[in-house]
Every structure is written in C-alpha cells, then in structure tokens.
C-alpha cells in the first residue's frame, strides 16, 4: 500500500484533535495485514486484545491494593 497523497494527510490531520500526526511516518504494514483478514478474524483479534488489557488492568489493580 502506498502512502496517502498529501491532501489526504492534511485532511486526516485536521480531523485529529491530538498532537499533529504525519501519516507518511505511519507503519502501514499492520493496516495492510488487517485488510487481509476477514471481519470475523479482526473481531477475534480485537477481542483477544481487549481481554489482554482487562487482564493487565486487573493485575495492576491487585498490585496497587496489595499490602506493603
């Protein structure tokens, strides 16, 4: 996948409310990989990522609540 044209970069930067982003510096390989997956495969990967985040949050909470 080629980098987006400058006009698309500028349009995306206007819509983004955080720090300025240069889409030419984005690693497009993950996007390209995701586009090869079926919607069900993307959902499954997303669900696994959410479960990992919840597990990490639970572990962090347990550590913070542990008596010192």
C-alpha atoms as a PDB file:
ATOM      1  CA  UNK A   1       0.000   0.000   0.000  1.00  0.00           C
ATOM      2  CA  UNK A   2       1.403   3.374  -0.990  1.00  0.00           C
ATOM      3  CA  UNK A   3       1.438   6.313   1.356  1.00  0.00           C
ATOM      4  CA  UNK A   4      -1.646   8.512   1.089  1.00  0.00           C
ATOM      5  CA  UNK A   5      -1.452  11.655  -1.031  1.00  0.00           C
ATOM      6  CA  UNK A   6      -0.587  14.885   0.792  1.00  0.00           C
ATOM      7  CA  UNK A   7      -4.191  16.110   0.506  1.00  0.00           C
ATOM      8  CA  UNK A   8      -5.426  13.050   2.420  1.00  0.00           C
ATOM      9  CA  UNK A   9      -2.704  13.518   5.024  1.00  0.00           C
ATOM     10  CA  UNK A  10      -3.741  17.139   5.588  1.00  0.00           C
ATOM     11  CA  UNK A  11      -7.441  16.176   5.739  1.00  0.00           C
ATOM     12  CA  UNK A  12      -6.758  13.481   8.345  1.00  0.00           C
ATOM     13  CA  UNK A  13      -4.611  15.871  10.376  1.00  0.00           C
ATOM     14  CA  UNK A  14      -7.494  18.374  10.526  1.00  0.00           C
ATOM     15  CA  UNK A  15      -9.843  15.711  11.911  1.00  0.00           C
ATOM     16  CA  UNK A  16      -7.347  14.513  14.532  1.00  0.00           C
ATOM     17  CA  UNK A  17      -7.623  16.522  17.749  1.00  0.00           C
ATOM     18  CA  UNK A  18      -4.429  15.306  19.428  1.00  0.00           C
ATOM     19  CA  UNK A  19      -0.821  16.054  18.627  1.00  0.00           C
ATOM     20  CA  UNK A  20      -0.019  16.606  14.961  1.00  0.00           C
ATOM     21  CA  UNK A  21       0.496  13.353  13.113  1.00  0.00           C
ATOM     22  CA  UNK A  22       2.417  12.750   9.917  1.00  0.00           C
ATOM     23  CA  UNK A  23       0.720   9.840   8.191  1.00  0.00           C
ATOM     24  CA  UNK A  24       3.776   9.378   5.996  1.00  0.00           C
ATOM     25  CA  UNK A  25       5.555   8.113   9.115  1.00  0.00           C
ATOM     26  CA  UNK A  26       2.838   5.552   9.950  1.00  0.00           C
ATOM     27  CA  UNK A  27       3.795   1.888   9.685  1.00  0.00           C
ATOM     28  CA  UNK A  28       1.247   0.788   7.094  1.00  0.00           C
ATOM     29  CA  UNK A  29       2.199  -2.905   7.343  1.00  0.00           C
ATOM     30  CA  UNK A  30      -0.282  -3.543  10.175  1.00  0.00           C
ATOM     31  CA  UNK A  31      -3.070  -1.859   8.243  1.00  0.00           C
ATOM     32  CA  UNK A  32      -2.207  -3.906   5.172  1.00  0.00           C
ATOM     33  CA  UNK A  33      -2.221  -7.083   7.260  1.00  0.00           C
ATOM     34  CA  UNK A  34      -5.579  -6.218   8.821  1.00  0.00           C
ATOM     35  CA  UNK A  35      -7.070  -5.704   5.383  1.00  0.00           C
ATOM     36  CA  UNK A  36      -6.222  -9.324   4.530  1.00  0.00           C
ATOM     37  CA  UNK A  37      -8.301 -10.583   7.469  1.00  0.00           C
ATOM     38  CA  UNK A  38     -11.997 -11.334   7.391  1.00  0.00           C
ATOM     39  CA  UNK A  39     -14.248  -9.246   9.635  1.00  0.00           C
ATOM     40  CA  UNK A  40     -14.615 -12.254  11.962  1.00  0.00           C
ATOM     41  CA  UNK A  41     -10.829 -12.605  12.200  1.00  0.00           C
ATOM     42  CA  UNK A  42     -10.452  -8.885  13.002  1.00  0.00           C
ATOM     43  CA  UNK A  43     -13.162  -9.132  15.658  1.00  0.00           C
ATOM     44  CA  UNK A  44     -11.459 -12.166  17.182  1.00  0.00           C
ATOM     45  CA  UNK A  45      -8.087 -10.381  17.314  1.00  0.00           C
ATOM     46  CA  UNK A  46      -9.716  -7.299  18.798  1.00  0.00           C
ATOM     47  CA  UNK A  47     -11.451  -9.403  21.448  1.00  0.00           C
ATOM     48  CA  UNK A  48      -8.148 -11.046  22.419  1.00  0.00           C
ATOM     49  CA  UNK A  49      -6.545  -7.598  22.703  1.00  0.00           C
ATOM     50  CA  UNK A  50      -9.402  -6.380  24.928  1.00  0.00           C
ATOM     51  CA  UNK A  51      -9.065  -9.457  27.131  1.00  0.00           C
ATOM     52  CA  UNK A  52      -5.331  -8.788  27.482  1.00  0.00           C
ATOM     53  CA  UNK A  53      -5.999  -5.174  28.507  1.00  0.00           C
ATOM     54  CA  UNK A  54      -8.579  -6.291  31.084  1.00  0.00           C
ATOM     55  CA  UNK A  55      -6.142  -8.887  32.447  1.00  0.00           C
ATOM     56  CA  UNK A  56      -3.393  -6.249  32.742  1.00  0.00           C
ATOM     57  CA  UNK A  57      -5.763  -3.799  34.435  1.00  0.00           C
ATOM     58  CA  UNK A  58      -6.797  -6.490  36.925  1.00  0.00           C
ATOM     59  CA  UNK A  59      -3.167  -7.386  37.640  1.00  0.00           C
ATOM     60  CA  UNK A  60      -2.264  -3.713  38.123  1.00  0.00           C
ATOM     61  CA  UNK A  61      -5.169  -3.197  40.474  1.00  0.00           C
ATOM     62  CA  UNK A  62      -4.143  -6.253  42.509  1.00  0.00           C
ATOM     63  CA  UNK A  63      -0.605  -4.900  42.780  1.00  0.00           C
ATOM     64  CA  UNK A  64      -1.791  -1.453  43.879  1.00  0.00           C
ATOM     65  CA  UNK A  65      -4.122  -2.933  46.503  1.00  0.00           C
ATOM     66  CA  UNK A  66      -1.512  -5.324  47.878  1.00  0.00           C
ATOM     67  CA  UNK A  67      -0.459  -4.524  51.437  1.00  0.00           C
ATOM     68  CA  UNK A  68       3.036  -3.060  51.653  1.00  0.00           C
END
